Amino acid sequence: MRKIMKAVAVTLLGLVTVACATACGGGGAREAMAHGLSPSDTEPVSHDVPQVGRVYVINLYGAEEGRPDRRPANLVASEFSSLKEITWRSWGPDRAVGDGRLSGTWCLPGCQAKPYEATITLSKARKVGGKRYFTKFDIDGDFPRPTSSDDTLRGTLPLPFSTP
C-alpha cells in the first residue's frame, strides 16, 4: 500500500511540474517530453489561426451533397472510381497518401466482387471558405487500366460551394 501511495505522489508531482512549467512559459517542451507528453500537448492552441495541417477532402461516399472529411475510410474520387477500406500512410498539408480497395464503373463487373488493391494520392490543396481542401487525386496500382482515363484514375476533386 505504501508503494502505491508513493507512486501516486510521484506521478502527481510530475503532472504539477509539467502544468506549472507550461503555465509559466518556462521550458515546457523539455519537461513535457520527460513526462511522456509531446511538446504539442503543452503548446497553447490559438483558435484564430488555422492550423497548417488541417486539410480536408470533399467526400461523396454516403453523402450525395458531399461533406468535408479527413482520413476517410471510404472515398468517392470521381463518378468513375471509389476506394474502400483506405489506410492512410500520410495526411499532410500538401499531400495525402493511402492504400485501399478500388472499384468503379470502368471495371464492372469484375472489380465489384473483387476490388483492386490501389494507392491514392491527394494533392494541390486550396483554401475555400476558410478551410483547405485537396483538389487533385491520382490512383495507382497493379491492375488493368481503363480504356478512357478521363477522371477515372487521375483528376479533379470536388470543392465545397463558397459563399461570397
N, C-alpha and C. Protein backbone atom coordinates (compact mmCIF):
# COMPACT_ATOMS: atom_id res chain seq x y z
N MET A 1 0.82 -1.19 0.00
CA MET A 1 0.00 0.00 0.00
C MET A 1 0.87 1.25 0.00
N ARG A 2 1.95 1.19 0.75
CA ARG A 2 2.85 2.34 0.85
C ARG A 2 3.50 2.64 -0.50
N LYS A 3 3.84 1.57 -1.27
CA LYS A 3 4.46 1.75 -2.59
C LYS A 3 3.47 2.41 -3.56
N ILE A 4 2.22 2.02 -3.46
CA ILE A 4 1.20 2.61 -4.33
C ILE A 4 1.04 4.09 -4.04
N MET A 5 0.97 4.45 -2.77
CA MET A 5 0.84 5.86 -2.37
C MET A 5 2.03 6.67 -2.85
N LYS A 6 3.23 6.08 -2.76
CA LYS A 6 4.44 6.78 -3.20
C LYS A 6 4.40 6.98 -4.71
N ALA A 7 3.97 5.96 -5.46
CA ALA A 7 3.89 6.07 -6.92
C ALA A 7 2.88 7.14 -7.32
N VAL A 8 1.75 7.19 -6.64
CA VAL A 8 0.73 8.20 -6.93
C VAL A 8 1.28 9.60 -6.64
N ALA A 9 1.98 9.76 -5.54
CA ALA A 9 2.55 11.06 -5.16
C ALA A 9 3.57 11.52 -6.19
N VAL A 10 4.44 10.61 -6.66
CA VAL A 10 5.46 10.96 -7.66
C VAL A 10 4.78 11.35 -8.97
N THR A 11 3.76 10.61 -9.38
CA THR A 11 3.04 10.93 -10.61
C THR A 11 2.38 12.29 -10.52
N LEU A 12 1.70 12.56 -9.42
CA LEU A 12 1.05 13.86 -9.23
C LEU A 12 2.06 15.00 -9.22
N LEU A 13 3.20 14.78 -8.58
CA LEU A 13 4.24 15.80 -8.55
C LEU A 13 4.73 16.09 -9.97
N GLY A 14 4.90 15.04 -10.77
CA GLY A 14 5.33 15.22 -12.16
C GLY A 14 4.31 16.00 -12.97
N LEU A 15 3.04 15.68 -12.81
CA LEU A 15 2.00 16.40 -13.53
C LEU A 15 1.91 17.86 -13.11
N VAL A 16 2.05 18.13 -11.83
CA VAL A 16 2.04 19.50 -11.34
C VAL A 16 3.22 20.27 -11.91
N THR A 17 4.38 19.63 -11.97
CA THR A 17 5.58 20.27 -12.52
C THR A 17 5.36 20.64 -13.98
N VAL A 18 4.81 19.71 -14.78
CA VAL A 18 4.54 19.98 -16.19
C VAL A 18 3.53 21.11 -16.32
N ALA A 19 2.47 21.07 -15.54
CA ALA A 19 1.44 22.11 -15.61
C ALA A 19 2.01 23.47 -15.26
N CYS A 20 2.82 23.53 -14.22
CA CYS A 20 3.42 24.80 -13.79
C CYS A 20 4.38 25.32 -14.85
N ALA A 21 5.21 24.45 -15.39
CA ALA A 21 6.18 24.87 -16.40
C ALA A 21 5.47 25.37 -17.64
N THR A 22 4.39 24.71 -18.02
CA THR A 22 3.63 25.13 -19.19
C THR A 22 2.95 26.46 -18.94
N ALA A 23 2.30 26.59 -17.80
CA ALA A 23 1.57 27.83 -17.48
C ALA A 23 2.52 29.01 -17.32
N CYS A 24 3.69 28.75 -16.80
CA CYS A 24 4.65 29.83 -16.57
C CYS A 24 5.47 30.14 -17.80
N GLY A 25 5.37 29.30 -18.85
CA GLY A 25 6.09 29.56 -20.08
C GLY A 25 7.54 29.14 -20.05
N GLY A 26 7.99 28.48 -19.04
CA GLY A 26 9.39 28.07 -18.98
C GLY A 26 9.60 26.66 -19.44
N GLY A 27 10.47 26.44 -20.41
CA GLY A 27 10.93 25.13 -20.85
C GLY A 27 9.89 24.05 -20.90
N GLY A 28 8.67 24.35 -21.23
CA GLY A 28 7.59 23.38 -21.20
C GLY A 28 7.84 22.16 -22.06
N ALA A 29 8.41 22.33 -23.23
CA ALA A 29 8.61 21.20 -24.13
C ALA A 29 9.53 20.16 -23.53
N ARG A 30 10.64 20.58 -22.95
CA ARG A 30 11.61 19.64 -22.37
C ARG A 30 10.99 18.86 -21.22
N GLU A 31 10.29 19.56 -20.33
CA GLU A 31 9.66 18.88 -19.20
C GLU A 31 8.54 17.96 -19.66
N ALA A 32 7.79 18.40 -20.66
CA ALA A 32 6.69 17.57 -21.16
C ALA A 32 7.22 16.26 -21.72
N MET A 33 8.30 16.32 -22.50
CA MET A 33 8.86 15.10 -23.07
C MET A 33 9.39 14.19 -21.98
N ALA A 34 9.92 14.75 -20.92
CA ALA A 34 10.43 13.94 -19.82
C ALA A 34 9.31 13.18 -19.12
N HIS A 35 8.07 13.68 -19.25
CA HIS A 35 6.93 13.02 -18.61
C HIS A 35 6.04 12.31 -19.61
N GLY A 36 6.58 12.04 -20.82
CA GLY A 36 5.84 11.25 -21.80
C GLY A 36 4.84 12.02 -22.65
N LEU A 37 4.84 13.34 -22.58
CA LEU A 37 3.96 14.14 -23.41
C LEU A 37 4.76 14.70 -24.57
N SER A 38 4.08 14.96 -25.69
CA SER A 38 4.79 15.60 -26.79
C SER A 38 4.73 17.10 -26.57
N PRO A 39 5.68 17.86 -27.16
CA PRO A 39 5.66 19.31 -26.98
C PRO A 39 4.34 19.94 -27.44
N SER A 40 3.71 19.37 -28.47
CA SER A 40 2.45 19.95 -28.95
C SER A 40 1.33 19.78 -27.95
N ASP A 41 1.43 18.79 -27.03
CA ASP A 41 0.42 18.61 -26.00
C ASP A 41 0.42 19.76 -25.00
N THR A 42 1.53 20.48 -24.91
CA THR A 42 1.64 21.55 -23.93
C THR A 42 1.60 22.93 -24.56
N GLU A 43 1.61 23.01 -25.89
CA GLU A 43 1.61 24.30 -26.56
C GLU A 43 0.20 24.89 -26.53
N PRO A 44 0.09 26.19 -26.31
CA PRO A 44 -1.23 26.81 -26.35
C PRO A 44 -1.77 26.77 -27.78
N VAL A 45 -3.06 26.56 -27.94
CA VAL A 45 -3.68 26.49 -29.25
C VAL A 45 -4.45 27.77 -29.49
N SER A 46 -4.17 28.42 -30.62
CA SER A 46 -4.91 29.61 -30.99
C SER A 46 -6.06 29.20 -31.88
N HIS A 47 -7.26 29.60 -31.53
CA HIS A 47 -8.42 29.26 -32.33
C HIS A 47 -8.63 30.27 -33.46
N ASP A 48 -7.85 31.34 -33.47
CA ASP A 48 -7.98 32.35 -34.51
C ASP A 48 -7.13 32.02 -35.73
N VAL A 49 -6.07 31.26 -35.55
CA VAL A 49 -5.14 30.95 -36.63
C VAL A 49 -5.37 29.51 -37.08
N PRO A 50 -5.72 29.29 -38.37
CA PRO A 50 -5.94 27.92 -38.82
C PRO A 50 -4.64 27.13 -38.78
N GLN A 51 -4.73 25.88 -38.36
CA GLN A 51 -3.55 25.03 -38.32
C GLN A 51 -3.21 24.59 -39.73
N VAL A 52 -1.93 24.65 -40.08
CA VAL A 52 -1.47 24.35 -41.43
C VAL A 52 -1.84 22.94 -41.85
N GLY A 53 -1.78 21.98 -40.94
CA GLY A 53 -2.02 20.58 -41.28
C GLY A 53 -3.48 20.22 -41.48
N ARG A 54 -4.41 21.12 -41.19
CA ARG A 54 -5.84 20.82 -41.32
C ARG A 54 -6.27 20.93 -42.78
N VAL A 55 -6.24 19.81 -43.48
CA VAL A 55 -6.67 19.79 -44.88
C VAL A 55 -7.78 18.75 -45.00
N TYR A 56 -8.78 19.07 -45.79
CA TYR A 56 -9.95 18.21 -45.95
C TYR A 56 -10.07 17.74 -47.39
N VAL A 57 -10.93 16.76 -47.59
CA VAL A 57 -11.33 16.34 -48.92
C VAL A 57 -12.85 16.30 -48.90
N ILE A 58 -13.48 16.75 -49.98
CA ILE A 58 -14.94 16.63 -50.06
C ILE A 58 -15.23 15.18 -50.44
N ASN A 59 -15.98 14.51 -49.57
CA ASN A 59 -16.26 13.09 -49.74
C ASN A 59 -17.73 12.90 -50.08
N LEU A 60 -18.00 12.25 -51.21
CA LEU A 60 -19.36 11.98 -51.64
C LEU A 60 -19.82 10.59 -51.22
N TYR A 61 -18.97 9.84 -50.55
CA TYR A 61 -19.34 8.49 -50.13
C TYR A 61 -20.40 8.57 -49.04
N GLY A 62 -21.60 8.10 -49.36
CA GLY A 62 -22.69 8.14 -48.38
C GLY A 62 -23.25 9.53 -48.14
N ALA A 63 -22.84 10.50 -48.97
CA ALA A 63 -23.32 11.89 -48.81
C ALA A 63 -23.42 12.52 -50.19
N GLU A 64 -24.61 12.49 -50.76
CA GLU A 64 -24.82 12.97 -52.12
C GLU A 64 -24.34 14.40 -52.34
N GLU A 65 -24.51 15.26 -51.34
CA GLU A 65 -24.07 16.65 -51.44
C GLU A 65 -22.59 16.80 -51.11
N GLY A 66 -21.99 15.76 -50.56
CA GLY A 66 -20.59 15.83 -50.16
C GLY A 66 -20.44 16.42 -48.77
N ARG A 67 -19.34 16.08 -48.12
CA ARG A 67 -19.06 16.60 -46.78
C ARG A 67 -17.55 16.72 -46.62
N PRO A 68 -17.07 17.71 -45.86
CA PRO A 68 -15.63 17.80 -45.57
C PRO A 68 -15.22 16.59 -44.74
N ASP A 69 -14.13 15.96 -45.11
CA ASP A 69 -13.69 14.76 -44.42
C ASP A 69 -12.17 14.76 -44.32
N ARG A 70 -11.67 14.11 -43.27
CA ARG A 70 -10.23 13.94 -43.10
C ARG A 70 -9.96 12.47 -42.87
N ARG A 71 -9.01 11.92 -43.60
CA ARG A 71 -8.64 10.50 -43.50
C ARG A 71 -9.85 9.57 -43.59
N PRO A 72 -10.67 9.72 -44.64
CA PRO A 72 -11.86 8.88 -44.73
C PRO A 72 -11.50 7.41 -45.00
N ALA A 73 -12.28 6.51 -44.44
CA ALA A 73 -12.09 5.08 -44.67
C ALA A 73 -12.58 4.70 -46.07
N ASN A 74 -13.57 5.42 -46.57
CA ASN A 74 -14.13 5.19 -47.90
C ASN A 74 -14.21 6.55 -48.59
N LEU A 75 -13.87 6.58 -49.89
CA LEU A 75 -13.82 7.85 -50.61
C LEU A 75 -14.26 7.68 -52.05
N VAL A 76 -15.17 8.54 -52.49
CA VAL A 76 -15.53 8.63 -53.90
C VAL A 76 -14.57 9.64 -54.52
N ALA A 77 -13.67 9.15 -55.39
CA ALA A 77 -12.69 10.04 -56.02
C ALA A 77 -13.31 10.76 -57.21
N SER A 78 -14.15 10.06 -57.96
CA SER A 78 -14.82 10.65 -59.12
C SER A 78 -16.09 9.86 -59.39
N GLU A 79 -16.82 10.25 -60.43
CA GLU A 79 -18.02 9.50 -60.77
C GLU A 79 -17.69 8.11 -61.30
N PHE A 80 -16.42 7.85 -61.59
CA PHE A 80 -16.00 6.57 -62.15
C PHE A 80 -15.27 5.67 -61.16
N SER A 81 -14.69 6.22 -60.10
CA SER A 81 -13.82 5.45 -59.20
C SER A 81 -14.05 5.78 -57.73
N SER A 82 -14.04 4.74 -56.90
CA SER A 82 -14.10 4.94 -55.45
C SER A 82 -13.22 3.91 -54.77
N LEU A 83 -12.78 4.26 -53.56
CA LEU A 83 -11.95 3.36 -52.77
C LEU A 83 -12.61 3.10 -51.43
N LYS A 84 -12.43 1.87 -50.96
CA LYS A 84 -12.95 1.47 -49.65
C LYS A 84 -11.80 0.97 -48.80
N GLU A 85 -12.04 0.95 -47.50
CA GLU A 85 -11.07 0.42 -46.54
C GLU A 85 -9.69 1.06 -46.70
N ILE A 86 -9.67 2.37 -46.82
CA ILE A 86 -8.41 3.10 -47.02
C ILE A 86 -7.64 3.18 -45.70
N THR A 87 -6.37 2.86 -45.78
CA THR A 87 -5.44 3.07 -44.67
C THR A 87 -4.51 4.19 -45.10
N TRP A 88 -4.56 5.31 -44.40
CA TRP A 88 -3.76 6.47 -44.79
C TRP A 88 -2.35 6.36 -44.23
N ARG A 89 -1.36 6.41 -45.12
CA ARG A 89 0.05 6.39 -44.70
C ARG A 89 0.48 7.78 -44.26
N SER A 90 -0.09 8.79 -44.90
CA SER A 90 0.23 10.17 -44.53
C SER A 90 -0.96 11.06 -44.86
N TRP A 91 -1.07 12.15 -44.11
CA TRP A 91 -2.11 13.16 -44.37
C TRP A 91 -1.51 14.49 -43.93
N GLY A 92 -0.91 15.19 -44.90
CA GLY A 92 -0.21 16.42 -44.56
C GLY A 92 -0.81 17.62 -45.24
N PRO A 93 -0.18 18.76 -45.07
CA PRO A 93 -0.72 19.99 -45.63
C PRO A 93 -0.66 20.06 -47.15
N ASP A 94 0.27 19.30 -47.76
CA ASP A 94 0.43 19.38 -49.21
C ASP A 94 -0.03 18.12 -49.94
N ARG A 95 -0.09 17.00 -49.21
CA ARG A 95 -0.38 15.75 -49.89
C ARG A 95 -0.82 14.69 -48.88
N ALA A 96 -1.67 13.78 -49.34
CA ALA A 96 -2.11 12.64 -48.53
C ALA A 96 -1.97 11.38 -49.37
N VAL A 97 -1.51 10.30 -48.76
CA VAL A 97 -1.31 9.03 -49.47
C VAL A 97 -1.94 7.91 -48.67
N GLY A 98 -2.75 7.09 -49.35
CA GLY A 98 -3.40 5.98 -48.67
C GLY A 98 -3.55 4.78 -49.58
N ASP A 99 -3.73 3.61 -48.98
CA ASP A 99 -3.93 2.36 -49.71
C ASP A 99 -5.33 1.84 -49.42
N GLY A 100 -6.01 1.38 -50.48
CA GLY A 100 -7.36 0.89 -50.30
C GLY A 100 -7.77 -0.06 -51.41
N ARG A 101 -9.07 -0.33 -51.47
CA ARG A 101 -9.64 -1.26 -52.45
C ARG A 101 -10.44 -0.46 -53.46
N LEU A 102 -9.99 -0.50 -54.72
CA LEU A 102 -10.53 0.32 -55.80
C LEU A 102 -11.61 -0.43 -56.59
N SER A 103 -12.71 0.27 -56.85
CA SER A 103 -13.72 -0.23 -57.78
C SER A 103 -14.30 0.97 -58.51
N GLY A 104 -15.04 0.69 -59.57
CA GLY A 104 -15.62 1.79 -60.32
C GLY A 104 -16.43 1.29 -61.49
N THR A 105 -17.07 2.21 -62.18
CA THR A 105 -17.90 1.84 -63.32
C THR A 105 -17.07 1.30 -64.47
N TRP A 106 -15.83 1.70 -64.58
CA TRP A 106 -14.96 1.30 -65.68
C TRP A 106 -14.49 -0.15 -65.58
N CYS A 107 -14.58 -0.76 -64.42
CA CYS A 107 -14.06 -2.12 -64.26
C CYS A 107 -15.14 -3.14 -63.90
N LEU A 108 -16.41 -2.77 -64.05
CA LEU A 108 -17.51 -3.70 -63.76
C LEU A 108 -17.56 -4.80 -64.81
N PRO A 109 -17.98 -5.99 -64.47
CA PRO A 109 -18.48 -6.40 -63.17
C PRO A 109 -17.38 -6.95 -62.26
N GLY A 110 -16.19 -7.22 -62.81
CA GLY A 110 -15.12 -7.88 -62.07
C GLY A 110 -14.71 -7.22 -60.77
N CYS A 111 -14.51 -5.91 -60.77
CA CYS A 111 -13.98 -5.24 -59.58
C CYS A 111 -15.04 -5.01 -58.51
N GLN A 112 -16.30 -5.24 -58.85
CA GLN A 112 -17.33 -5.08 -57.82
C GLN A 112 -17.22 -6.21 -56.79
N ALA A 113 -17.02 -7.42 -57.26
CA ALA A 113 -16.88 -8.56 -56.36
C ALA A 113 -15.48 -8.63 -55.75
N LYS A 114 -14.48 -8.22 -56.53
CA LYS A 114 -13.10 -8.29 -56.05
C LYS A 114 -12.37 -6.99 -56.42
N PRO A 115 -12.50 -5.95 -55.57
CA PRO A 115 -11.84 -4.66 -55.85
C PRO A 115 -10.32 -4.80 -55.94
N TYR A 116 -9.72 -3.89 -56.70
CA TYR A 116 -8.26 -3.89 -56.88
C TYR A 116 -7.57 -3.19 -55.71
N GLU A 117 -6.40 -3.70 -55.33
CA GLU A 117 -5.56 -3.00 -54.35
C GLU A 117 -4.97 -1.79 -55.06
N ALA A 118 -5.08 -0.62 -54.45
CA ALA A 118 -4.62 0.61 -55.10
C ALA A 118 -4.11 1.62 -54.08
N THR A 119 -3.30 2.55 -54.58
CA THR A 119 -2.80 3.66 -53.78
C THR A 119 -3.39 4.94 -54.34
N ILE A 120 -3.93 5.77 -53.46
CA ILE A 120 -4.47 7.07 -53.87
C ILE A 120 -3.62 8.17 -53.26
N THR A 121 -3.32 9.17 -54.08
CA THR A 121 -2.59 10.36 -53.62
C THR A 121 -3.48 11.57 -53.85
N LEU A 122 -3.69 12.34 -52.80
CA LEU A 122 -4.44 13.59 -52.89
C LEU A 122 -3.44 14.73 -52.83
N SER A 123 -3.66 15.80 -53.62
CA SER A 123 -2.68 16.89 -53.65
C SER A 123 -3.35 18.21 -54.03
N LYS A 124 -2.52 19.23 -54.19
CA LYS A 124 -2.92 20.58 -54.61
C LYS A 124 -4.01 21.16 -53.71
N ALA A 125 -3.69 21.36 -52.45
CA ALA A 125 -4.65 21.93 -51.51
C ALA A 125 -4.95 23.39 -51.86
N ARG A 126 -6.22 23.76 -51.70
CA ARG A 126 -6.67 25.11 -52.00
C ARG A 126 -7.62 25.56 -50.89
N LYS A 127 -7.55 26.84 -50.55
CA LYS A 127 -8.40 27.38 -49.48
C LYS A 127 -9.76 27.80 -50.04
N VAL A 128 -10.81 27.29 -49.40
CA VAL A 128 -12.18 27.66 -49.76
C VAL A 128 -12.96 27.88 -48.47
N GLY A 129 -13.53 29.05 -48.31
CA GLY A 129 -14.33 29.33 -47.13
C GLY A 129 -13.58 29.17 -45.82
N GLY A 130 -12.29 29.50 -45.81
CA GLY A 130 -11.51 29.44 -44.58
C GLY A 130 -10.87 28.10 -44.28
N LYS A 131 -11.18 27.06 -45.08
CA LYS A 131 -10.57 25.74 -44.89
C LYS A 131 -9.82 25.34 -46.14
N ARG A 132 -8.81 24.48 -45.94
CA ARG A 132 -8.04 23.97 -47.08
C ARG A 132 -8.57 22.60 -47.50
N TYR A 133 -8.68 22.41 -48.83
CA TYR A 133 -9.19 21.17 -49.40
C TYR A 133 -8.25 20.67 -50.49
N PHE A 134 -8.05 19.36 -50.54
CA PHE A 134 -7.31 18.78 -51.65
C PHE A 134 -8.16 18.91 -52.91
N THR A 135 -7.49 19.23 -54.05
CA THR A 135 -8.22 19.44 -55.30
C THR A 135 -7.89 18.40 -56.37
N LYS A 136 -6.84 17.62 -56.19
CA LYS A 136 -6.43 16.64 -57.21
C LYS A 136 -6.28 15.25 -56.59
N PHE A 137 -6.53 14.22 -57.41
CA PHE A 137 -6.30 12.84 -56.98
C PHE A 137 -5.57 12.08 -58.07
N ASP A 138 -4.84 11.06 -57.67
CA ASP A 138 -4.11 10.18 -58.58
C ASP A 138 -4.16 8.79 -57.97
N ILE A 139 -4.66 7.81 -58.73
CA ILE A 139 -4.79 6.43 -58.25
C ILE A 139 -3.84 5.55 -59.04
N ASP A 140 -3.07 4.73 -58.33
CA ASP A 140 -2.08 3.86 -58.98
C ASP A 140 -2.14 2.48 -58.35
N GLY A 141 -1.63 1.50 -59.08
CA GLY A 141 -1.59 0.14 -58.56
C GLY A 141 -1.37 -0.85 -59.69
N ASP A 142 -1.33 -2.12 -59.33
CA ASP A 142 -1.12 -3.20 -60.30
C ASP A 142 -2.48 -3.78 -60.68
N PHE A 143 -3.15 -3.14 -61.63
CA PHE A 143 -4.47 -3.57 -62.08
C PHE A 143 -4.65 -3.12 -63.52
N PRO A 144 -5.58 -3.73 -64.26
CA PRO A 144 -5.80 -3.32 -65.65
C PRO A 144 -6.28 -1.87 -65.72
N ARG A 145 -5.78 -1.15 -66.69
CA ARG A 145 -6.15 0.26 -66.85
C ARG A 145 -7.43 0.40 -67.66
N PRO A 146 -8.22 1.42 -67.35
CA PRO A 146 -9.44 1.66 -68.13
C PRO A 146 -9.11 2.14 -69.54
N THR A 147 -10.04 1.93 -70.47
CA THR A 147 -9.80 2.37 -71.84
C THR A 147 -9.79 3.89 -71.94
N SER A 148 -10.60 4.56 -71.13
CA SER A 148 -10.60 6.02 -71.08
C SER A 148 -10.16 6.45 -69.69
N SER A 149 -9.21 7.36 -69.63
CA SER A 149 -8.68 7.76 -68.32
C SER A 149 -9.24 9.09 -67.83
N ASP A 150 -10.22 9.65 -68.53
CA ASP A 150 -10.81 10.92 -68.12
C ASP A 150 -11.42 10.81 -66.73
N ASP A 151 -10.81 11.43 -65.76
CA ASP A 151 -11.31 11.44 -64.38
C ASP A 151 -11.52 10.05 -63.79
N THR A 152 -10.85 9.04 -64.34
CA THR A 152 -11.01 7.69 -63.84
C THR A 152 -9.98 7.39 -62.76
N LEU A 153 -8.70 7.55 -63.09
CA LEU A 153 -7.62 7.29 -62.15
C LEU A 153 -6.86 8.55 -61.76
N ARG A 154 -7.14 9.64 -62.42
CA ARG A 154 -6.47 10.92 -62.14
C ARG A 154 -7.45 12.03 -62.48
N GLY A 155 -7.54 13.00 -61.58
CA GLY A 155 -8.47 14.06 -61.90
C GLY A 155 -8.63 15.10 -60.81
N THR A 156 -9.72 15.83 -60.91
CA THR A 156 -10.03 16.93 -60.01
C THR A 156 -11.08 16.50 -59.00
N LEU A 157 -10.82 16.82 -57.74
CA LEU A 157 -11.76 16.52 -56.66
C LEU A 157 -12.77 17.65 -56.52
N PRO A 158 -13.98 17.35 -56.06
CA PRO A 158 -14.96 18.43 -55.86
C PRO A 158 -14.54 19.34 -54.70
N LEU A 159 -15.01 20.56 -54.76
CA LEU A 159 -14.77 21.54 -53.69
C LEU A 159 -16.12 21.98 -53.14
N PRO A 160 -16.14 22.46 -51.90
CA PRO A 160 -17.41 22.96 -51.37
C PRO A 160 -17.79 24.26 -52.06
N PHE A 161 -19.08 24.55 -52.03
CA PHE A 161 -19.53 25.83 -52.56
C PHE A 161 -19.10 26.90 -51.58
N SER A 162 -18.51 27.97 -52.10
CA SER A 162 -18.12 29.06 -51.21
C SER A 162 -19.14 30.19 -51.34
N THR A 163 -19.40 30.82 -50.23
CA THR A 163 -20.33 31.95 -50.24
C THR A 163 -19.52 33.23 -50.16
N PRO A 164 -19.83 34.21 -51.02
CA PRO A 164 -19.05 35.46 -51.02
C PRO A 164 -19.28 36.28 -49.78
